[in-house]
Amino acid sequence: MDKTRAKQIINSPDKIEVYYQGKPVWLESIEENSAYVTVMGTCRTMTVPLAELEEIQTH
């Protein structure tokens, strides 16, 4: 995922599904090439490379 799209997701009022290594995550903040995320359903937070985040399109 690129930085611009990650920022759009954070600022969106819609629920946009984002995954890291197959697990759903919530984007908390964005830095240069990384994102601070919380793994959904847990209290686990971590910094991950933006390039490894995947947006899942739902219709």
PDB file of N, CA and C in Angstrom:
ATOM      1  N   MET A   1       0.846  -1.165   0.000  1.00  0.00           N
ATOM      2  CA  MET A   1       0.000   0.000   0.000  1.00  0.00           C
ATOM      3  C   MET A   1       0.896   1.233   0.000  1.00  0.00           C
ATOM      4  N   ASP A   2       0.463   2.254  -0.713  1.00  0.00           N
ATOM      5  CA  ASP A   2       1.268   3.469  -0.700  1.00  0.00           C
ATOM      6  C   ASP A   2       0.778   4.423   0.394  1.00  0.00           C
ATOM      7  N   LYS A   3       1.622   5.378   0.713  1.00  0.00           N
ATOM      8  CA  LYS A   3       1.373   6.306   1.814  1.00  0.00           C
ATOM      9  C   LYS A   3       0.101   7.125   1.591  1.00  0.00           C
ATOM     10  N   THR A   4      -0.116   7.581   0.374  1.00  0.00           N
ATOM     11  CA  THR A   4      -1.301   8.391   0.070  1.00  0.00           C
ATOM     12  C   THR A   4      -2.583   7.612   0.339  1.00  0.00           C
ATOM     13  N   ARG A   5      -2.639   6.370  -0.118  1.00  0.00           N
ATOM     14  CA  ARG A   5      -3.835   5.545   0.097  1.00  0.00           C
ATOM     15  C   ARG A   5      -4.036   5.261   1.579  1.00  0.00           C
ATOM     16  N   ALA A   6      -2.979   5.003   2.298  1.00  0.00           N
ATOM     17  CA  ALA A   6      -3.084   4.741   3.736  1.00  0.00           C
ATOM     18  C   ALA A   6      -3.681   5.955   4.449  1.00  0.00           C
ATOM     19  N   LYS A   7      -3.261   7.155   4.074  1.00  0.00           N
ATOM     20  CA  LYS A   7      -3.814   8.369   4.678  1.00  0.00           C
ATOM     21  C   LYS A   7      -5.289   8.530   4.328  1.00  0.00           C
ATOM     22  N   GLN A   8      -5.661   8.193   3.090  1.00  0.00           N
ATOM     23  CA  GLN A   8      -7.071   8.264   2.690  1.00  0.00           C
ATOM     24  C   GLN A   8      -7.916   7.322   3.544  1.00  0.00           C
ATOM     25  N   ILE A   9      -7.399   6.144   3.810  1.00  0.00           N
ATOM     26  CA  ILE A   9      -8.129   5.160   4.615  1.00  0.00           C
ATOM     27  C   ILE A   9      -8.304   5.673   6.040  1.00  0.00           C
ATOM     28  N   ILE A  10      -7.262   6.233   6.616  1.00  0.00           N
ATOM     29  CA  ILE A  10      -7.349   6.766   7.985  1.00  0.00           C
ATOM     30  C   ILE A  10      -8.395   7.872   8.066  1.00  0.00           C
ATOM     31  N   ASN A  11      -8.472   8.715   7.061  1.00  0.00           N
ATOM     32  CA  ASN A  11      -9.386   9.857   7.071  1.00  0.00           C
ATOM     33  C   ASN A  11     -10.787   9.537   6.558  1.00  0.00           C
ATOM     34  N   SER A  12     -11.002   8.334   6.084  1.00  0.00           N
ATOM     35  CA  SER A  12     -12.291   7.958   5.518  1.00  0.00           C
ATOM     36  C   SER A  12     -13.328   7.662   6.613  1.00  0.00           C
ATOM     37  N   PRO A  13     -14.572   8.108   6.407  1.00  0.00           N
ATOM     38  CA  PRO A  13     -15.628   7.749   7.361  1.00  0.00           C
ATOM     39  C   PRO A  13     -16.101   6.305   7.152  1.00  0.00           C
ATOM     40  N   ASP A  14     -15.713   5.697   6.023  1.00  0.00           N
ATOM     41  CA  ASP A  14     -16.123   4.329   5.717  1.00  0.00           C
ATOM     42  C   ASP A  14     -15.194   3.318   6.379  1.00  0.00           C
ATOM     43  N   LYS A  15     -15.718   2.116   6.582  1.00  0.00           N
ATOM     44  CA  LYS A  15     -14.888   1.019   7.091  1.00  0.00           C
ATOM     45  C   LYS A  15     -14.207   0.373   5.887  1.00  0.00           C
ATOM     46  N   ILE A  16     -12.899   0.473   5.845  1.00  0.00           N
ATOM     47  CA  ILE A  16     -12.125  -0.102   4.747  1.00  0.00           C
ATOM     48  C   ILE A  16     -11.243  -1.194   5.341  1.00  0.00           C
ATOM     49  N   GLU A  17     -11.386  -2.398   4.811  1.00  0.00           N
ATOM     50  CA  GLU A  17     -10.645  -3.525   5.365  1.00  0.00           C
ATOM     51  C   GLU A  17      -9.188  -3.498   4.912  1.00  0.00           C
ATOM     52  N   VAL A  18      -8.298  -3.568   5.902  1.00  0.00           N
ATOM     53  CA  VAL A  18      -6.858  -3.593   5.653  1.00  0.00           C
ATOM     54  C   VAL A  18      -6.292  -4.805   6.400  1.00  0.00           C
ATOM     55  N   TYR A  19      -5.402  -5.513   5.718  1.00  0.00           N
ATOM     56  CA  TYR A  19      -4.805  -6.712   6.309  1.00  0.00           C
ATOM     57  C   TYR A  19      -3.290  -6.624   6.321  1.00  0.00           C
ATOM     58  N   TYR A  20      -2.707  -7.222   7.353  1.00  0.00           N
ATOM     59  CA  TYR A  20      -1.257  -7.373   7.452  1.00  0.00           C
ATOM     60  C   TYR A  20      -0.989  -8.841   7.735  1.00  0.00           C
ATOM     61  N   GLN A  21      -0.278  -9.480   6.840  1.00  0.00           N
ATOM     62  CA  GLN A  21       0.041 -10.911   6.962  1.00  0.00           C
ATOM     63  C   GLN A  21      -1.214 -11.744   7.230  1.00  0.00           C
ATOM     64  N   GLY A  22      -2.279 -11.425   6.492  1.00  0.00           N
ATOM     65  CA  GLY A  22      -3.507 -12.192   6.585  1.00  0.00           C
ATOM     66  C   GLY A  22      -4.406 -11.863   7.756  1.00  0.00           C
ATOM     67  N   LYS A  23      -4.004 -10.899   8.600  1.00  0.00           N
ATOM     68  CA  LYS A  23      -4.809 -10.538   9.762  1.00  0.00           C
ATOM     69  C   LYS A  23      -5.389  -9.139   9.566  1.00  0.00           C
ATOM     70  N   PRO A  24      -6.676  -8.945   9.924  1.00  0.00           N
ATOM     71  CA  PRO A  24      -7.259  -7.611   9.794  1.00  0.00           C
ATOM     72  C   PRO A  24      -6.649  -6.653  10.818  1.00  0.00           C
ATOM     73  N   VAL A  25      -6.325  -5.450  10.351  1.00  0.00           N
ATOM     74  CA  VAL A  25      -5.717  -4.454  11.231  1.00  0.00           C
ATOM     75  C   VAL A  25      -6.439  -3.116  11.080  1.00  0.00           C
ATOM     76  N   TRP A  26      -6.286  -2.274  12.100  1.00  0.00           N
ATOM     77  CA  TRP A  26      -6.822  -0.923  12.099  1.00  0.00           C
ATOM     78  C   TRP A  26      -5.633   0.021  12.000  1.00  0.00           C
ATOM     79  N   LEU A  27      -5.664   0.906  11.001  1.00  0.00           N
ATOM     80  CA  LEU A  27      -4.579   1.870  10.841  1.00  0.00           C
ATOM     81  C   LEU A  27      -4.708   2.964  11.889  1.00  0.00           C
ATOM     82  N   GLU A  28      -3.672   3.154  12.680  1.00  0.00           N
ATOM     83  CA  GLU A  28      -3.667   4.185  13.714  1.00  0.00           C
ATOM     84  C   GLU A  28      -2.974   5.457  13.212  1.00  0.00           C
ATOM     85  N   SER A  29      -1.789   5.282  12.603  1.00  0.00           N
ATOM     86  CA  SER A  29      -1.040   6.428  12.087  1.00  0.00           C
ATOM     87  C   SER A  29      -0.059   5.956  11.021  1.00  0.00           C
ATOM     88  N   ILE A  30       0.426   6.937  10.258  1.00  0.00           N
ATOM     89  CA  ILE A  30       1.347   6.662   9.149  1.00  0.00           C
ATOM     90  C   ILE A  30       2.619   7.462   9.354  1.00  0.00           C
ATOM     91  N   GLU A  31       3.748   6.822   9.087  1.00  0.00           N
ATOM     92  CA  GLU A  31       5.024   7.523   9.075  1.00  0.00           C
ATOM     93  C   GLU A  31       5.564   7.430   7.658  1.00  0.00           C
ATOM     94  N   GLU A  32       6.828   7.642   7.454  1.00  0.00           N
ATOM     95  CA  GLU A  32       7.389   7.635   6.098  1.00  0.00           C
ATOM     96  C   GLU A  32       7.030   6.373   5.320  1.00  0.00           C
ATOM     97  N   ASN A  33       7.578   5.253   5.714  1.00  0.00           N
ATOM     98  CA  ASN A  33       7.348   3.986   5.004  1.00  0.00           C
ATOM     99  C   ASN A  33       6.737   2.921   5.900  1.00  0.00           C
ATOM    100  N   SER A  34       6.131   3.359   7.000  1.00  0.00           N
ATOM    101  CA  SER A  34       5.557   2.396   7.931  1.00  0.00           C
ATOM    102  C   SER A  34       4.225   2.903   8.481  1.00  0.00           C
ATOM    103  N   ALA A  35       3.496   1.988   9.073  1.00  0.00           N
ATOM    104  CA  ALA A  35       2.203   2.315   9.674  1.00  0.00           C
ATOM    105  C   ALA A  35       2.150   1.709  11.068  1.00  0.00           C
ATOM    106  N   TYR A  36       1.512   2.432  11.978  1.00  0.00           N
ATOM    107  CA  TYR A  36       1.258   1.933  13.322  1.00  0.00           C
ATOM    108  C   TYR A  36      -0.146   1.348  13.280  1.00  0.00           C
ATOM    109  N   VAL A  37      -0.281   0.067  13.570  1.00  0.00           N
ATOM    110  CA  VAL A  37      -1.567  -0.619  13.446  1.00  0.00           C
ATOM    111  C   VAL A  37      -1.925  -1.372  14.718  1.00  0.00           C
ATOM    112  N   THR A  38      -3.227  -1.619  14.863  1.00  0.00           N
ATOM    113  CA  THR A  38      -3.732  -2.487  15.926  1.00  0.00           C
ATOM    114  C   THR A  38      -4.364  -3.684  15.245  1.00  0.00           C
ATOM    115  N   VAL A  39      -4.016  -4.883  15.697  1.00  0.00           N
ATOM    116  CA  VAL A  39      -4.622  -6.097  15.151  1.00  0.00           C
ATOM    117  C   VAL A  39      -6.046  -6.172  15.694  1.00  0.00           C
ATOM    118  N   MET A  40      -7.025  -6.271  14.781  1.00  0.00           N
ATOM    119  CA  MET A  40      -8.437  -6.296  15.171  1.00  0.00           C
ATOM    120  C   MET A  40      -8.712  -7.445  16.139  1.00  0.00           C
ATOM    121  N   GLY A  41      -9.513  -7.151  17.146  1.00  0.00           N
ATOM    122  CA  GLY A  41      -9.905  -8.167  18.112  1.00  0.00           C
ATOM    123  C   GLY A  41      -8.868  -8.426  19.186  1.00  0.00           C
ATOM    124  N   THR A  42      -7.786  -7.639  19.179  1.00  0.00           N
ATOM    125  CA  THR A  42      -6.737  -7.801  20.187  1.00  0.00           C
ATOM    126  C   THR A  42      -6.313  -6.413  20.668  1.00  0.00           C
ATOM    127  N   CYS A  43      -5.452  -6.392  21.624  1.00  0.00           N
ATOM    128  CA  CYS A  43      -4.855  -5.131  22.079  1.00  0.00           C
ATOM    129  C   CYS A  43      -3.454  -4.989  21.504  1.00  0.00           C
ATOM    130  N   ARG A  44      -3.096  -5.861  20.571  1.00  0.00           N
ATOM    131  CA  ARG A  44      -1.745  -5.886  20.011  1.00  0.00           C
ATOM    132  C   ARG A  44      -1.558  -4.757  19.002  1.00  0.00           C
ATOM    133  N   THR A  45      -0.574  -3.914  19.250  1.00  0.00           N
ATOM    134  CA  THR A  45      -0.227  -2.844  18.320  1.00  0.00           C
ATOM    135  C   THR A  45       1.209  -3.050  17.863  1.00  0.00           C
ATOM    136  N   MET A  46       1.485  -2.578  16.647  1.00  0.00           N
ATOM    137  CA  MET A  46       2.838  -2.742  16.119  1.00  0.00           C
ATOM    138  C   MET A  46       3.062  -1.789  14.957  1.00  0.00           C
ATOM    139  N   THR A  47       4.302  -1.584  14.642  1.00  0.00           N
ATOM    140  CA  THR A  47       4.681  -0.798  13.481  1.00  0.00           C
ATOM    141  C   THR A  47       5.057  -1.780  12.381  1.00  0.00           C
ATOM    142  N   VAL A  48       4.452  -1.585  11.206  1.00  0.00           N
ATOM    143  CA  VAL A  48       4.667  -2.505  10.090  1.00  0.00           C
ATOM    144  C   VAL A  48       5.008  -1.712   8.829  1.00  0.00           C
ATOM    145  N   PRO A  49       5.687  -2.341   7.862  1.00  0.00           N
ATOM    146  CA  PRO A  49       5.977  -1.651   6.606  1.00  0.00           C
ATOM    147  C   PRO A  49       4.701  -1.394   5.815  1.00  0.00           C
ATOM    148  N   LEU A  50       4.542  -0.186   5.304  1.00  0.00           N
ATOM    149  CA  LEU A  50       3.379   0.143   4.480  1.00  0.00           C
ATOM    150  C   LEU A  50       3.245  -0.816   3.302  1.00  0.00           C
ATOM    151  N   ALA A  51       4.358  -1.193   2.720  1.00  0.00           N
ATOM    152  CA  ALA A  51       4.342  -2.059   1.541  1.00  0.00           C
ATOM    153  C   ALA A  51       3.705  -3.420   1.811  1.00  0.00           C
ATOM    154  N   GLU A  52       3.639  -3.828   3.075  1.00  0.00           N
ATOM    155  CA  GLU A  52       3.084  -5.135   3.409  1.00  0.00           C
ATOM    156  C   GLU A  52       1.599  -5.089   3.779  1.00  0.00           C
ATOM    157  N   LEU A  53       1.001  -3.905   3.760  1.00  0.00           N
ATOM    158  CA  LEU A  53      -0.431  -3.789   4.041  1.00  0.00           C
ATOM    159  C   LEU A  53      -1.221  -4.016   2.762  1.00  0.00           C
ATOM    160  N   GLU A  54      -2.365  -4.701   2.901  1.00  0.00           N
ATOM    161  CA  GLU A  54      -3.219  -4.969   1.743  1.00  0.00           C
ATOM    162  C   GLU A  54      -4.627  -4.463   2.023  1.00  0.00           C
ATOM    163  N   GLU A  55      -5.167  -3.737   1.070  1.00  0.00           N
ATOM    164  CA  GLU A  55      -6.550  -3.288   1.158  1.00  0.00           C
ATOM    165  C   GLU A  55      -7.435  -4.338   0.491  1.00  0.00           C
ATOM    166  N   ILE A  56      -8.501  -4.710   1.179  1.00  0.00           N
ATOM    167  CA  ILE A  56      -9.437  -5.686   0.652  1.00  0.00           C
ATOM    168  C   ILE A  56     -10.677  -4.940   0.167  1.00  0.00           C
ATOM    169  N   GLN A  57     -10.994  -5.087  -1.094  1.00  0.00           N
ATOM    170  CA  GLN A  57     -12.166  -4.431  -1.667  1.00  0.00           C
ATOM    171  C   GLN A  57     -13.406  -5.249  -1.334  1.00  0.00           C
ATOM    172  N   THR A  58     -14.401  -4.601  -0.749  1.00  0.00           N
ATOM    173  CA  THR A  58     -15.672  -5.263  -0.457  1.00  0.00           C
ATOM    174  C   THR A  58     -16.777  -4.519  -1.175  1.00  0.00           C
ATOM    175  N   HIS A  59     -17.662  -5.248  -1.787  1.00  0.00           N
ATOM    176  CA  HIS A  59     -18.786  -4.608  -2.488  1.00  0.00           C
ATOM    177  C   HIS A  59     -20.059  -5.296  -2.118  1.00  0.00           C
TER     178      HIS A  59
END
